[in-house]
Each structure stands twice: as structure tokens, then as C-alpha cells.
Amino acid sequence: MGWQRMAARVFAALMVTDSGRMTAGELAAMLSVSPAAISGAVRYLDQVGLISKERVPGERRDSYRVLDDMWYASFLKQDRLLKLWGETADEGIAVLGEHTPAGKRLAEMRDFFQFFAKEMPLLFERWHARRRDTG
């Protein structure tokens, strides 16, 4: 599982700018691509919670910026997906039976996703504690 190529390029461009903010025109010029390519990439990055679209007061154009605490927000969304995948596997087990080969594979999938869904909030707590402690 990976990112769309253009989304990865746009995200990297935003990450390496000092301000963490650029307009679509600036991104297109920096990456030597069309505005349409930028449009699709920023839409995707906004949907997954890694950037936001904003208008700086006094400016006429929208800019895109990297979100503060974006990794936490992004993984928080993943936590919901982990729970959903575990529940989906449970539904499959109910249909196929726990002791069938397919049911056993689904049980492994369920256990994996349930484990990570349980551990993820603890990791988030540890991360926030570490950030508080290190300033």
C-alpha cells in the first residue's frame, strides 16, 4: 500500500519548505507539473488529514500547509480502520465458520487488527507524554 506519486511529491515539497505552506501555483512551479495534477494531490492529502487548505488574511489565493500533529491525526484515522477490519473479519468468521481454513485466516486477520487497535491508543499516550517531556 502506498501513496499516489503526485501526492507524495506535493507532501514532500510542503515538508521541506521552511513555512510548510505553499500555493497551488508555487507547488506546480516547484514540481514542474500542471495545476490539475496539484489539485488532485492536495485533495487527496486533505482527505487523509495531512494538509489543510487555507487562505492567509490579505491574500487572494489559497495555500496548502502541513498540519501540526499530522502524524497523530493520520494514525488516529488508521485506528478506526483497524477496528473496522477486525469487525469485518469477525463477520466473515461467523459466515464461514471458525474452524474452516478461510475462517482461520480471517481469525488471524481479526486478531492482528484487534491487537493493533488495542495498542494504538497506548502508543498515542506515550507519544504525547514524550512530546510534553521533551518540549
C-alpha atoms as a PDB file:
ATOM      1  CA  MET A   1       0.000   0.000   0.000  1.00  0.00           C
ATOM      2  CA  GLY A   2       1.443   3.307  -0.989  1.00  0.00           C
ATOM      3  CA  TRP A   3       0.703   6.849  -1.902  1.00  0.00           C
ATOM      4  CA  GLN A   4      -0.173   8.273  -5.254  1.00  0.00           C
ATOM      5  CA  ARG A   5       3.045   9.558  -6.811  1.00  0.00           C
ATOM      6  CA  MET A   6       1.913  13.178  -7.163  1.00  0.00           C
ATOM      7  CA  ALA A   7       0.520  13.267  -3.623  1.00  0.00           C
ATOM      8  CA  ALA A   8       3.882  12.061  -2.319  1.00  0.00           C
ATOM      9  CA  ARG A   9       5.721  14.741  -4.305  1.00  0.00           C
ATOM     10  CA  VAL A  10       3.407  17.516  -3.087  1.00  0.00           C
ATOM     11  CA  PHE A  11       3.662  16.338   0.511  1.00  0.00           C
ATOM     12  CA  ALA A  12       7.461  16.196   0.292  1.00  0.00           C
ATOM     13  CA  ALA A  13       7.547  19.712  -1.180  1.00  0.00           C
ATOM     14  CA  LEU A  14       5.440  21.066   1.681  1.00  0.00           C
ATOM     15  CA  MET A  15       7.529  19.253   4.285  1.00  0.00           C
ATOM     16  CA  VAL A  16      10.825  20.733   3.102  1.00  0.00           C
ATOM     17  CA  THR A  17       9.703  24.361   2.892  1.00  0.00           C
ATOM     18  CA  ASP A  18      10.522  26.459   5.937  1.00  0.00           C
ATOM     19  CA  SER A  19       6.958  27.730   6.193  1.00  0.00           C
ATOM     20  CA  GLY A  20       5.317  24.374   5.488  1.00  0.00           C
ATOM     21  CA  ARG A  21       2.913  26.338   3.295  1.00  0.00           C
ATOM     22  CA  MET A  22       2.656  26.878  -0.484  1.00  0.00           C
ATOM     23  CA  THR A  23       0.053  27.882  -3.033  1.00  0.00           C
ATOM     24  CA  ALA A  24      -1.008  25.543  -5.822  1.00  0.00           C
ATOM     25  CA  GLY A  25       0.883  27.743  -8.283  1.00  0.00           C
ATOM     26  CA  GLU A  26       4.058  27.560  -6.215  1.00  0.00           C
ATOM     27  CA  LEU A  27       3.746  23.786  -5.954  1.00  0.00           C
ATOM     28  CA  ALA A  28       3.136  23.425  -9.689  1.00  0.00           C
ATOM     29  CA  ALA A  29       6.185  25.569 -10.486  1.00  0.00           C
ATOM     30  CA  MET A  30       8.414  23.786  -7.988  1.00  0.00           C
ATOM     31  CA  LEU A  31       7.428  20.337  -9.233  1.00  0.00           C
ATOM     32  CA  SER A  32       7.144  21.292 -12.930  1.00  0.00           C
ATOM     33  CA  VAL A  33       3.627  19.887 -13.226  1.00  0.00           C
ATOM     34  CA  SER A  34       0.197  21.145 -14.225  1.00  0.00           C
ATOM     35  CA  PRO A  35      -2.212  22.808 -11.789  1.00  0.00           C
ATOM     36  CA  ALA A  36      -4.602  19.876 -12.393  1.00  0.00           C
ATOM     37  CA  ALA A  37      -2.002  17.452 -11.037  1.00  0.00           C
ATOM     38  CA  ILE A  38      -1.609  19.614  -7.936  1.00  0.00           C
ATOM     39  CA  SER A  39      -5.388  19.830  -7.485  1.00  0.00           C
ATOM     40  CA  GLY A  40      -5.846  16.074  -7.299  1.00  0.00           C
ATOM     41  CA  ALA A  41      -2.874  15.629  -4.989  1.00  0.00           C
ATOM     42  CA  VAL A  42      -3.904  18.305  -2.482  1.00  0.00           C
ATOM     43  CA  ARG A  43      -7.475  16.996  -2.453  1.00  0.00           C
ATOM     44  CA  TYR A  44      -6.175  13.535  -1.512  1.00  0.00           C
ATOM     45  CA  LEU A  45      -3.758  14.871   1.130  1.00  0.00           C
ATOM     46  CA  ASP A  46      -6.536  16.979   2.658  1.00  0.00           C
ATOM     47  CA  GLN A  47      -8.887  13.981   2.782  1.00  0.00           C
ATOM     48  CA  VAL A  48      -6.341  11.838   4.634  1.00  0.00           C
ATOM     49  CA  GLY A  49      -5.679  14.646   7.103  1.00  0.00           C
ATOM     50  CA  LEU A  50      -2.072  15.514   6.272  1.00  0.00           C
ATOM     51  CA  ILE A  51      -2.576  19.050   4.950  1.00  0.00           C
ATOM     52  CA  SER A  52      -5.157  21.789   5.114  1.00  0.00           C
ATOM     53  CA  LYS A  53      -6.314  24.386   2.616  1.00  0.00           C
ATOM     54  CA  GLU A  54      -6.226  27.916   3.986  1.00  0.00           C
ATOM     55  CA  ARG A  55      -6.409  31.493   2.886  1.00  0.00           C
ATOM     56  CA  VAL A  56      -3.907  33.803   4.528  1.00  0.00           C
ATOM     57  CA  PRO A  57      -5.559  37.116   5.520  1.00  0.00           C
ATOM     58  CA  GLY A  58      -4.916  39.673   2.799  1.00  0.00           C
ATOM     59  CA  GLU A  59      -4.014  37.029   0.209  1.00  0.00           C
ATOM     60  CA  ARG A  60      -6.203  36.222  -2.785  1.00  0.00           C
ATOM     61  CA  ARG A  61      -5.035  32.659  -3.312  1.00  0.00           C
ATOM     62  CA  ASP A  62      -5.487  29.582  -1.202  1.00  0.00           C
ATOM     63  CA  SER A  63      -2.426  27.960   0.238  1.00  0.00           C
ATOM     64  CA  TYR A  64      -1.827  24.458   1.495  1.00  0.00           C
ATOM     65  CA  ARG A  65       0.015  23.749   4.694  1.00  0.00           C
ATOM     66  CA  VAL A  66       1.253  20.761   6.587  1.00  0.00           C
ATOM     67  CA  LEU A  67      -0.888  20.204   9.673  1.00  0.00           C
ATOM     68  CA  ASP A  68       0.509  20.391  13.176  1.00  0.00           C
ATOM     69  CA  ASP A  69       0.438  16.987  14.854  1.00  0.00           C
ATOM     70  CA  MET A  70      -0.464  15.456  11.486  1.00  0.00           C
ATOM     71  CA  TRP A  71       1.074  12.084  12.259  1.00  0.00           C
ATOM     72  CA  TYR A  72      -1.139  11.681  15.295  1.00  0.00           C
ATOM     73  CA  ALA A  73      -4.265  12.673  13.343  1.00  0.00           C
ATOM     74  CA  SER A  74      -3.359  10.394  10.464  1.00  0.00           C
ATOM     75  CA  PHE A  75      -2.761   7.383  12.677  1.00  0.00           C
ATOM     76  CA  LEU A  76      -5.904   8.130  14.666  1.00  0.00           C
ATOM     77  CA  LYS A  77      -7.844   7.637  11.438  1.00  0.00           C
ATOM     78  CA  GLN A  78      -5.946   4.387  10.924  1.00  0.00           C
ATOM     79  CA  ASP A  79      -7.059   3.274  14.385  1.00  0.00           C
ATOM     80  CA  ARG A  80     -10.671   3.469  13.242  1.00  0.00           C
ATOM     81  CA  LEU A  81      -9.811   1.425  10.160  1.00  0.00           C
ATOM     82  CA  LEU A  82      -8.100  -1.209  12.291  1.00  0.00           C
ATOM     83  CA  LYS A  83     -11.292  -1.653  14.303  1.00  0.00           C
ATOM     84  CA  LEU A  84     -13.383  -1.822  11.137  1.00  0.00           C
ATOM     85  CA  TRP A  85     -11.131  -4.507   9.595  1.00  0.00           C
ATOM     86  CA  GLY A  86     -11.328  -6.545  12.811  1.00  0.00           C
ATOM     87  CA  GLU A  87     -15.118  -6.317  12.832  1.00  0.00           C
ATOM     88  CA  THR A  88     -15.262  -7.254   9.149  1.00  0.00           C
ATOM     89  CA  ALA A  89     -13.123 -10.321   9.806  1.00  0.00           C
ATOM     90  CA  ASP A  90     -15.476 -11.309  12.650  1.00  0.00           C
ATOM     91  CA  GLU A  91     -18.431 -11.139  10.276  1.00  0.00           C
ATOM     92  CA  GLY A  92     -16.602 -13.389   7.829  1.00  0.00           C
ATOM     93  CA  ILE A  93     -15.792 -15.894  10.569  1.00  0.00           C
ATOM     94  CA  ALA A  94     -19.471 -16.016  11.532  1.00  0.00           C
ATOM     95  CA  VAL A  95     -20.364 -16.896   7.937  1.00  0.00           C
ATOM     96  CA  LEU A  96     -17.523 -19.302   7.122  1.00  0.00           C
ATOM     97  CA  GLY A  97     -17.018 -20.950  10.478  1.00  0.00           C
ATOM     98  CA  GLU A  98     -14.111 -20.565  12.867  1.00  0.00           C
ATOM     99  CA  HIS A  99     -12.525 -23.937  12.074  1.00  0.00           C
ATOM    100  CA  THR A 100     -12.501 -23.744   8.282  1.00  0.00           C
ATOM    101  CA  PRO A 101      -9.251 -22.797   6.522  1.00  0.00           C
ATOM    102  CA  ALA A 102     -10.770 -19.468   5.446  1.00  0.00           C
ATOM    103  CA  GLY A 103     -12.173 -18.903   8.930  1.00  0.00           C
ATOM    104  CA  LYS A 104      -8.731 -19.495  10.445  1.00  0.00           C
ATOM    105  CA  ARG A 105      -7.179 -16.949   8.082  1.00  0.00           C
ATOM    106  CA  LEU A 106      -9.885 -14.449   8.996  1.00  0.00           C
ATOM    107  CA  ALA A 107      -9.314 -15.156  12.701  1.00  0.00           C
ATOM    108  CA  GLU A 108      -5.617 -14.379  12.247  1.00  0.00           C
ATOM    109  CA  MET A 109      -6.580 -11.157  10.473  1.00  0.00           C
ATOM    110  CA  ARG A 110      -9.045 -10.238  13.218  1.00  0.00           C
ATOM    111  CA  ASP A 111      -6.524 -10.938  15.976  1.00  0.00           C
ATOM    112  CA  PHE A 112      -3.876  -8.853  14.213  1.00  0.00           C
ATOM    113  CA  PHE A 113      -6.149  -5.843  13.753  1.00  0.00           C
ATOM    114  CA  GLN A 114      -7.637  -6.128  17.242  1.00  0.00           C
ATOM    115  CA  PHE A 115      -4.137  -6.212  18.732  1.00  0.00           C
ATOM    116  CA  PHE A 116      -3.112  -3.039  16.940  1.00  0.00           C
ATOM    117  CA  ALA A 117      -6.436  -1.331  17.669  1.00  0.00           C
ATOM    118  CA  LYS A 118      -5.870  -2.039  21.368  1.00  0.00           C
ATOM    119  CA  GLU A 119      -2.219  -0.977  21.400  1.00  0.00           C
ATOM    120  CA  MET A 120      -2.532   2.154  19.264  1.00  0.00           C
ATOM    121  CA  PRO A 121      -4.160   4.384  21.946  1.00  0.00           C
ATOM    122  CA  LEU A 122      -1.416   3.400  24.397  1.00  0.00           C
ATOM    123  CA  LEU A 123       1.213   4.371  21.860  1.00  0.00           C
ATOM    124  CA  PHE A 124      -0.557   7.712  21.315  1.00  0.00           C
ATOM    125  CA  GLU A 125      -0.468   8.376  25.060  1.00  0.00           C
ATOM    126  CA  ARG A 126       3.242   7.551  25.200  1.00  0.00           C
ATOM    127  CA  TRP A 127       3.910   9.812  22.212  1.00  0.00           C
ATOM    128  CA  HIS A 128       2.121  12.781  23.775  1.00  0.00           C
ATOM    129  CA  ALA A 129       3.900  12.206  27.093  1.00  0.00           C
ATOM    130  CA  ARG A 130       7.244  12.137  25.302  1.00  0.00           C
ATOM    131  CA  ARG A 131       6.462  15.353  23.431  1.00  0.00           C
ATOM    132  CA  ARG A 132       5.448  17.039  26.699  1.00  0.00           C
ATOM    133  CA  ASP A 133       8.645  15.879  28.390  1.00  0.00           C
ATOM    134  CA  THR A 134      10.956  16.941  25.579  1.00  0.00           C
ATOM    135  CA  GLY A 135       9.174  20.228  24.909  1.00  0.00           C
END
